[in-house]
Amino acid sequence: MFERFLKVLTSSVIKKQLMGLTGLLLCGFLLTHLIGNFLIFVSPEAFNTYAYKLTSTPLIYVAEAVLMGIFLLHLGLAMVLTIENKKARPVGYYMKQPTGRGSTFASSTMPITGIVIGIFIVLHIIHFKFGAHYSVTYGDVEMRDLYRLIIEEFQNKAFAFGYIVSMAFIGVHISHGFWSAFQSLGFNHPKYTTVLRCLSTIYAITIFGGFSSLPIYCFLQGVQ
């Protein structure tokens, strides 16, 4: 009984479903993160206050741990499934043929874009979470001036450009991953596929455009 349960739990179908679920959770985080970051367009105080309230609660450590767990699980499942897929191919005489039934640039480059995203996340954390800690006071509350740090970081043209390129990789990755996740979870029907592909494209463009607007805005603020 236990062996049968373990076999089901480790099946490729379950792995794909878990990867799809974790992918959707990460997509949800991206969107909420983007909405919060848009406060930078409102004012330094609005953005810094948002960041302060978000990070000043002890629950932030729980949230970060959960988010990291979701990301690592998604990454681990992606690696395992990629290896299993390669092993399942008849090596030696296998040649990928264009079928025209779904293989796209985004789907075929998922491992590459995934690696780039992983590197970006590490650098993002280093620069912004562990970057310079400037202080600012609003009323009688002293908090980190994250607004100033972000403005300064994006004054570096290479850094700003690299950030936008990274957002392009994320956009390409989720343009396939978003609808593919729903497909893995059972929404695999011609009735849904076209709509999900359309939503996936809209979502990917929103994430790319939204996050890319931040370095552009911050660079222009510094120029002024």
C-alpha atoms as a PDB file:
ATOM      1  CA  MET A   1       0.000   0.000   0.000  1.00  0.00           C
ATOM      2  CA  PHE A   2       2.732   2.430   1.017  1.00  0.00           C
ATOM      3  CA  GLU A   3       4.874   1.473  -1.968  1.00  0.00           C
ATOM      4  CA  ARG A   4       1.935   2.096  -4.282  1.00  0.00           C
ATOM      5  CA  PHE A   5       1.308   5.493  -2.674  1.00  0.00           C
ATOM      6  CA  LEU A   6       5.013   6.354  -2.987  1.00  0.00           C
ATOM      7  CA  LYS A   7       4.987   5.313  -6.640  1.00  0.00           C
ATOM      8  CA  VAL A   8       2.019   7.572  -7.349  1.00  0.00           C
ATOM      9  CA  LEU A   9       3.586  10.435  -5.409  1.00  0.00           C
ATOM     10  CA  THR A  10       6.809  10.192  -7.419  1.00  0.00           C
ATOM     11  CA  SER A  11       5.125   9.728 -10.800  1.00  0.00           C
ATOM     12  CA  SER A  12       5.852  12.186 -13.594  1.00  0.00           C
ATOM     13  CA  VAL A  13       2.206  13.304 -13.588  1.00  0.00           C
ATOM     14  CA  ILE A  14       2.330  14.326  -9.921  1.00  0.00           C
ATOM     15  CA  LYS A  15       5.678  16.023 -10.454  1.00  0.00           C
ATOM     16  CA  LYS A  16       4.279  18.043 -13.356  1.00  0.00           C
ATOM     17  CA  GLN A  17       1.231  18.998 -11.311  1.00  0.00           C
ATOM     18  CA  LEU A  18       3.385  20.126  -8.384  1.00  0.00           C
ATOM     19  CA  MET A  19       5.625  22.093 -10.724  1.00  0.00           C
ATOM     20  CA  GLY A  20       2.550  23.702 -12.263  1.00  0.00           C
ATOM     21  CA  LEU A  21       1.104  24.576  -8.861  1.00  0.00           C
ATOM     22  CA  THR A  22       4.369  26.046  -7.564  1.00  0.00           C
ATOM     23  CA  GLY A  23       4.760  27.934 -10.827  1.00  0.00           C
ATOM     24  CA  LEU A  24       1.333  29.533 -10.436  1.00  0.00           C
ATOM     25  CA  LEU A  25       2.121  30.462  -6.830  1.00  0.00           C
ATOM     26  CA  LEU A  26       5.316  32.156  -7.998  1.00  0.00           C
ATOM     27  CA  CYS A  27       3.347  33.954 -10.717  1.00  0.00           C
ATOM     28  CA  GLY A  28       0.980  35.212  -8.024  1.00  0.00           C
ATOM     29  CA  PHE A  29       3.923  36.474  -6.011  1.00  0.00           C
ATOM     30  CA  LEU A  30       5.330  38.275  -9.045  1.00  0.00           C
ATOM     31  CA  LEU A  31       2.078  40.133  -9.596  1.00  0.00           C
ATOM     32  CA  THR A  32       1.680  41.190  -5.940  1.00  0.00           C
ATOM     33  CA  HIS A  33       5.356  42.203  -5.838  1.00  0.00           C
ATOM     34  CA  LEU A  34       4.841  44.337  -8.946  1.00  0.00           C
ATOM     35  CA  ILE A  35       1.760  46.023  -7.469  1.00  0.00           C
ATOM     36  CA  GLY A  36       3.703  46.878  -4.312  1.00  0.00           C
ATOM     37  CA  ASN A  37       6.633  48.213  -6.319  1.00  0.00           C
ATOM     38  CA  PHE A  38       4.317  50.523  -8.247  1.00  0.00           C
ATOM     39  CA  LEU A  39       4.116  52.633  -5.083  1.00  0.00           C
ATOM     40  CA  ILE A  40       7.497  53.971  -6.137  1.00  0.00           C
ATOM     41  CA  PHE A  41       5.564  56.046  -8.687  1.00  0.00           C
ATOM     42  CA  VAL A  42       3.452  57.568  -5.915  1.00  0.00           C
ATOM     43  CA  SER A  43       6.144  58.971  -3.607  1.00  0.00           C
ATOM     44  CA  PRO A  44       9.275  57.970  -1.674  1.00  0.00           C
ATOM     45  CA  GLU A  45       7.243  57.980   1.555  1.00  0.00           C
ATOM     46  CA  ALA A  46       4.532  55.709   0.157  1.00  0.00           C
ATOM     47  CA  PHE A  47       7.079  53.212  -1.137  1.00  0.00           C
ATOM     48  CA  ASN A  48       9.297  53.243   1.966  1.00  0.00           C
ATOM     49  CA  THR A  49       6.304  52.941   4.292  1.00  0.00           C
ATOM     50  CA  TYR A  50       5.023  49.971   2.310  1.00  0.00           C
ATOM     51  CA  ALA A  51       8.444  48.291   2.469  1.00  0.00           C
ATOM     52  CA  TYR A  52       8.734  49.051   6.193  1.00  0.00           C
ATOM     53  CA  LYS A  53       5.333  47.572   7.063  1.00  0.00           C
ATOM     54  CA  LEU A  54       6.080  44.540   4.924  1.00  0.00           C
ATOM     55  CA  THR A  55       9.452  43.783   6.530  1.00  0.00           C
ATOM     56  CA  SER A  56       8.887  44.922  10.114  1.00  0.00           C
ATOM     57  CA  THR A  57       6.584  42.045  11.037  1.00  0.00           C
ATOM     58  CA  PRO A  58       8.142  38.760  12.267  1.00  0.00           C
ATOM     59  CA  LEU A  59       5.865  36.948   9.816  1.00  0.00           C
ATOM     60  CA  ILE A  60       8.106  38.155   7.007  1.00  0.00           C
ATOM     61  CA  TYR A  61      10.599  35.424   7.906  1.00  0.00           C
ATOM     62  CA  VAL A  62       7.886  32.784   7.622  1.00  0.00           C
ATOM     63  CA  ALA A  63       6.740  34.238   4.300  1.00  0.00           C
ATOM     64  CA  GLU A  64      10.309  34.315   2.964  1.00  0.00           C
ATOM     65  CA  ALA A  65      10.901  30.721   4.065  1.00  0.00           C
ATOM     66  CA  VAL A  66       7.691  29.543   2.389  1.00  0.00           C
ATOM     67  CA  LEU A  67       8.495  31.482  -0.780  1.00  0.00           C
ATOM     68  CA  MET A  68      12.009  30.061  -0.868  1.00  0.00           C
ATOM     69  CA  GLY A  69      10.626  26.557  -0.350  1.00  0.00           C
ATOM     70  CA  ILE A  70       8.184  27.004  -3.231  1.00  0.00           C
ATOM     71  CA  PHE A  71      10.942  28.307  -5.497  1.00  0.00           C
ATOM     72  CA  LEU A  72      13.376  25.483  -4.610  1.00  0.00           C
ATOM     73  CA  LEU A  73      10.656  22.862  -5.075  1.00  0.00           C
ATOM     74  CA  HIS A  74       9.774  24.337  -8.465  1.00  0.00           C
ATOM     75  CA  LEU A  75      13.439  24.404  -9.458  1.00  0.00           C
ATOM     76  CA  GLY A  76      14.087  20.874  -8.209  1.00  0.00           C
ATOM     77  CA  LEU A  77      11.059  19.457 -10.021  1.00  0.00           C
ATOM     78  CA  ALA A  78      12.065  21.226 -13.226  1.00  0.00           C
ATOM     79  CA  MET A  79      15.545  19.708 -13.051  1.00  0.00           C
ATOM     80  CA  VAL A  80      14.239  16.208 -12.295  1.00  0.00           C
ATOM     81  CA  LEU A  81      11.657  16.295 -15.092  1.00  0.00           C
ATOM     82  CA  THR A  82      14.217  17.638 -17.578  1.00  0.00           C
ATOM     83  CA  ILE A  83      16.623  14.811 -16.734  1.00  0.00           C
ATOM     84  CA  GLU A  84      13.850  12.207 -16.925  1.00  0.00           C
ATOM     85  CA  ASN A  85      12.699  13.518 -20.302  1.00  0.00           C
ATOM     86  CA  LYS A  86      16.229  13.331 -21.687  1.00  0.00           C
ATOM     87  CA  LYS A  87      16.648   9.762 -20.410  1.00  0.00           C
ATOM     88  CA  ALA A  88      13.369   8.759 -22.019  1.00  0.00           C
ATOM     89  CA  ARG A  89      14.569   9.831 -25.451  1.00  0.00           C
ATOM     90  CA  PRO A  90      16.238   7.251 -27.716  1.00  0.00           C
ATOM     91  CA  VAL A  91      19.723   8.746 -27.566  1.00  0.00           C
ATOM     92  CA  GLY A  92      21.827   8.214 -30.623  1.00  0.00           C
ATOM     93  CA  TYR A  93      19.206   8.439 -33.309  1.00  0.00           C
ATOM     94  CA  TYR A  94      16.746  10.873 -31.764  1.00  0.00           C
ATOM     95  CA  MET A  95      16.314  14.089 -33.697  1.00  0.00           C
ATOM     96  CA  LYS A  96      13.792  16.736 -32.743  1.00  0.00           C
ATOM     97  CA  GLN A  97      11.355  17.284 -35.572  1.00  0.00           C
ATOM     98  CA  PRO A  98       9.162  20.390 -35.857  1.00  0.00           C
ATOM     99  CA  THR A  99       5.599  19.151 -35.519  1.00  0.00           C
ATOM    100  CA  GLY A 100       3.907  22.522 -35.463  1.00  0.00           C
ATOM    101  CA  ARG A 101       1.682  21.352 -32.620  1.00  0.00           C
ATOM    102  CA  GLY A 102       2.985  23.417 -29.766  1.00  0.00           C
ATOM    103  CA  SER A 103       6.761  23.648 -29.679  1.00  0.00           C
ATOM    104  CA  THR A 104       7.651  27.321 -29.371  1.00  0.00           C
ATOM    105  CA  PHE A 105      10.715  29.405 -28.624  1.00  0.00           C
ATOM    106  CA  ALA A 106       9.454  29.917 -25.069  1.00  0.00           C
ATOM    107  CA  SER A 107       8.795  26.216 -24.436  1.00  0.00           C
ATOM    108  CA  SER A 108      12.093  25.035 -25.920  1.00  0.00           C
ATOM    109  CA  THR A 109      14.151  27.547 -23.919  1.00  0.00           C
ATOM    110  CA  MET A 110      12.499  26.964 -20.528  1.00  0.00           C
ATOM    111  CA  PRO A 111      15.654  25.443 -18.940  1.00  0.00           C
ATOM    112  CA  ILE A 112      17.816  28.343 -20.179  1.00  0.00           C
ATOM    113  CA  THR A 113      15.437  31.090 -19.088  1.00  0.00           C
ATOM    114  CA  GLY A 114      14.979  29.270 -15.780  1.00  0.00           C
ATOM    115  CA  ILE A 115      18.730  29.320 -15.104  1.00  0.00           C
ATOM    116  CA  VAL A 116      18.954  33.017 -15.958  1.00  0.00           C
ATOM    117  CA  ILE A 117      16.022  33.758 -13.627  1.00  0.00           C
ATOM    118  CA  GLY A 118      17.718  31.844 -10.814  1.00  0.00           C
ATOM    119  CA  ILE A 119      20.907  33.891 -11.228  1.00  0.00           C
ATOM    120  CA  PHE A 120      18.884  37.099 -11.365  1.00  0.00           C
ATOM    121  CA  ILE A 121      17.077  36.287  -8.110  1.00  0.00           C
ATOM    122  CA  VAL A 122      20.380  35.782  -6.282  1.00  0.00           C
ATOM    123  CA  LEU A 123      21.761  39.082  -7.591  1.00  0.00           C
ATOM    124  CA  HIS A 124      18.462  40.847  -6.875  1.00  0.00           C
ATOM    125  CA  ILE A 125      18.559  39.749  -3.230  1.00  0.00           C
ATOM    126  CA  ILE A 126      22.208  40.779  -2.872  1.00  0.00           C
ATOM    127  CA  HIS A 127      21.612  44.241  -4.323  1.00  0.00           C
ATOM    128  CA  PHE A 128      18.335  45.172  -2.673  1.00  0.00           C
ATOM    129  CA  LYS A 129      17.814  43.043   0.430  1.00  0.00           C
ATOM    130  CA  PHE A 130      21.430  43.196   1.564  1.00  0.00           C
ATOM    131  CA  GLY A 131      22.372  46.449  -0.154  1.00  0.00           C
ATOM    132  CA  ALA A 132      23.114  49.779   1.513  1.00  0.00           C
ATOM    133  CA  HIS A 133      20.834  50.574   4.467  1.00  0.00           C
ATOM    134  CA  TYR A 134      20.037  54.276   4.270  1.00  0.00           C
ATOM    135  CA  SER A 135      17.719  55.640   6.937  1.00  0.00           C
ATOM    136  CA  VAL A 136      14.815  58.040   6.635  1.00  0.00           C
ATOM    137  CA  THR A 137      12.273  59.283   9.184  1.00  0.00           C
ATOM    138  CA  TYR A 138       8.594  59.927   8.539  1.00  0.00           C
ATOM    139  CA  GLY A 139       6.840  61.404  11.558  1.00  0.00           C
ATOM    140  CA  ASP A 140       8.517  59.669  14.465  1.00  0.00           C
ATOM    141  CA  VAL A 141       9.227  56.392  12.657  1.00  0.00           C
ATOM    142  CA  GLU A 142      12.708  55.664  11.365  1.00  0.00           C
ATOM    143  CA  MET A 143      12.863  53.211   8.500  1.00  0.00           C
ATOM    144  CA  ARG A 144      15.086  52.055   5.690  1.00  0.00           C
ATOM    145  CA  ASP A 145      15.237  54.396   2.696  1.00  0.00           C
ATOM    146  CA  LEU A 146      14.836  51.688   0.090  1.00  0.00           C
ATOM    147  CA  TYR A 147      13.624  54.276  -2.413  1.00  0.00           C
ATOM    148  CA  ARG A 148      17.015  55.994  -2.364  1.00  0.00           C
ATOM    149  CA  LEU A 149      18.849  52.682  -2.785  1.00  0.00           C
ATOM    150  CA  ILE A 150      16.773  51.714  -5.809  1.00  0.00           C
ATOM    151  CA  ILE A 151      17.211  55.129  -7.420  1.00  0.00           C
ATOM    152  CA  GLU A 152      20.983  54.903  -6.934  1.00  0.00           C
ATOM    153  CA  GLU A 153      21.243  51.332  -8.234  1.00  0.00           C
ATOM    154  CA  PHE A 154      19.417  52.170 -11.439  1.00  0.00           C
ATOM    155  CA  GLN A 155      21.687  55.124 -12.147  1.00  0.00           C
ATOM    156  CA  ASN A 156      24.089  52.481 -13.399  1.00  0.00           C
ATOM    157  CA  LYS A 157      23.086  52.074 -17.046  1.00  0.00           C
ATOM    158  CA  ALA A 158      24.538  48.559 -17.286  1.00  0.00           C
ATOM    159  CA  PHE A 159      22.649  47.477 -14.165  1.00  0.00           C
ATOM    160  CA  ALA A 160      19.380  48.996 -15.402  1.00  0.00           C
ATOM    161  CA  PHE A 161      19.810  47.393 -18.828  1.00  0.00           C
ATOM    162  CA  GLY A 162      20.664  44.034 -17.257  1.00  0.00           C
ATOM    163  CA  TYR A 163      17.528  44.277 -15.117  1.00  0.00           C
ATOM    164  CA  ILE A 164      15.336  44.890 -18.162  1.00  0.00           C
ATOM    165  CA  VAL A 165      16.970  41.995 -20.035  1.00  0.00           C
ATOM    166  CA  SER A 166      16.307  39.763 -17.019  1.00  0.00           C
ATOM    167  CA  MET A 167      12.666  40.836 -17.106  1.00  0.00           C
ATOM    168  CA  ALA A 168      12.574  39.792 -20.766  1.00  0.00           C
ATOM    169  CA  PHE A 169      13.802  36.320 -19.776  1.00  0.00           C
ATOM    170  CA  ILE A 170      11.130  36.149 -17.076  1.00  0.00           C
ATOM    171  CA  GLY A 171       8.501  37.252 -19.592  1.00  0.00           C
ATOM    172  CA  VAL A 172       9.518  34.549 -22.069  1.00  0.00           C
ATOM    173  CA  HIS A 173       9.581  31.919 -19.302  1.00  0.00           C
ATOM    174  CA  ILE A 174       6.112  32.658 -17.946  1.00  0.00           C
ATOM    175  CA  SER A 175       4.595  33.190 -21.394  1.00  0.00           C
ATOM    176  CA  HIS A 176       4.797  29.412 -21.699  1.00  0.00           C
ATOM    177  CA  GLY A 177       4.870  28.405 -18.042  1.00  0.00           C
ATOM    178  CA  PHE A 178       1.655  30.182 -17.057  1.00  0.00           C
ATOM    179  CA  TRP A 179      -0.690  28.356 -19.433  1.00  0.00           C
ATOM    180  CA  SER A 180       1.348  25.144 -19.248  1.00  0.00           C
ATOM    181  CA  ALA A 181       0.807  25.075 -15.474  1.00  0.00           C
ATOM    182  CA  PHE A 182      -2.962  25.069 -15.954  1.00  0.00           C
ATOM    183  CA  GLN A 183      -2.587  22.328 -18.531  1.00  0.00           C
ATOM    184  CA  SER A 184      -0.596  20.201 -16.058  1.00  0.00           C
ATOM    185  CA  LEU A 185      -3.319  20.723 -13.465  1.00  0.00           C
ATOM    186  CA  GLY A 186      -5.972  19.306 -15.774  1.00  0.00           C
ATOM    187  CA  PHE A 187      -7.210  22.273 -17.811  1.00  0.00           C
ATOM    188  CA  ASN A 188      -6.203  20.480 -20.991  1.00  0.00           C
ATOM    189  CA  HIS A 189      -9.063  21.074 -23.399  1.00  0.00           C
ATOM    190  CA  PRO A 190      -9.334  22.968 -26.704  1.00  0.00           C
ATOM    191  CA  LYS A 191     -12.018  25.090 -25.047  1.00  0.00           C
ATOM    192  CA  TYR A 192      -9.513  26.458 -22.510  1.00  0.00           C
ATOM    193  CA  THR A 193      -6.197  26.322 -24.389  1.00  0.00           C
ATOM    194  CA  THR A 194      -6.726  29.378 -26.606  1.00  0.00           C
ATOM    195  CA  VAL A 195      -7.976  31.498 -23.704  1.00  0.00           C
ATOM    196  CA  LEU A 196      -5.145  30.387 -21.403  1.00  0.00           C
ATOM    197  CA  ARG A 197      -2.527  31.077 -24.067  1.00  0.00           C
ATOM    198  CA  CYS A 198      -3.968  34.552 -24.536  1.00  0.00           C
ATOM    199  CA  LEU A 199      -4.027  35.219 -20.782  1.00  0.00           C
ATOM    200  CA  SER A 200      -0.480  33.876 -20.521  1.00  0.00           C
ATOM    201  CA  THR A 201       0.733  36.319 -23.167  1.00  0.00           C
ATOM    202  CA  ILE A 202      -1.064  39.235 -21.509  1.00  0.00           C
ATOM    203  CA  TYR A 203       0.335  38.266 -18.118  1.00  0.00           C
ATOM    204  CA  ALA A 204       3.891  37.924 -19.472  1.00  0.00           C
ATOM    205  CA  ILE A 205       3.719  41.329 -21.183  1.00  0.00           C
ATOM    206  CA  THR A 206       2.302  42.897 -18.007  1.00  0.00           C
ATOM    207  CA  ILE A 207       5.123  41.493 -15.862  1.00  0.00           C
ATOM    208  CA  PHE A 208       7.822  42.470 -18.357  1.00  0.00           C
ATOM    209  CA  GLY A 209       6.437  45.941 -19.007  1.00  0.00           C
ATOM    210  CA  GLY A 210       5.602  46.640 -15.374  1.00  0.00           C
ATOM    211  CA  PHE A 211       8.958  45.675 -13.919  1.00  0.00           C
ATOM    212  CA  SER A 212      10.901  47.220 -16.819  1.00  0.00           C
ATOM    213  CA  SER A 213       9.222  50.555 -16.176  1.00  0.00           C
ATOM    214  CA  LEU A 214      10.867  50.722 -12.733  1.00  0.00           C
ATOM    215  CA  PRO A 215      14.526  51.087 -13.822  1.00  0.00           C
ATOM    216  CA  ILE A 216      13.503  53.522 -16.561  1.00  0.00           C
ATOM    217  CA  TYR A 217      11.598  55.697 -14.098  1.00  0.00           C
ATOM    218  CA  CYS A 218      14.365  55.533 -11.470  1.00  0.00           C
ATOM    219  CA  PHE A 219      17.032  56.419 -14.031  1.00  0.00           C
ATOM    220  CA  LEU A 220      15.042  59.440 -15.179  1.00  0.00           C
ATOM    221  CA  GLN A 221      14.498  60.516 -11.579  1.00  0.00           C
ATOM    222  CA  GLY A 222      18.233  60.534 -11.021  1.00  0.00           C
ATOM    223  CA  VAL A 223      18.822  62.511 -14.210  1.00  0.00           C
ATOM    224  CA  GLN A 224      16.384  65.174 -13.041  1.00  0.00           C
END
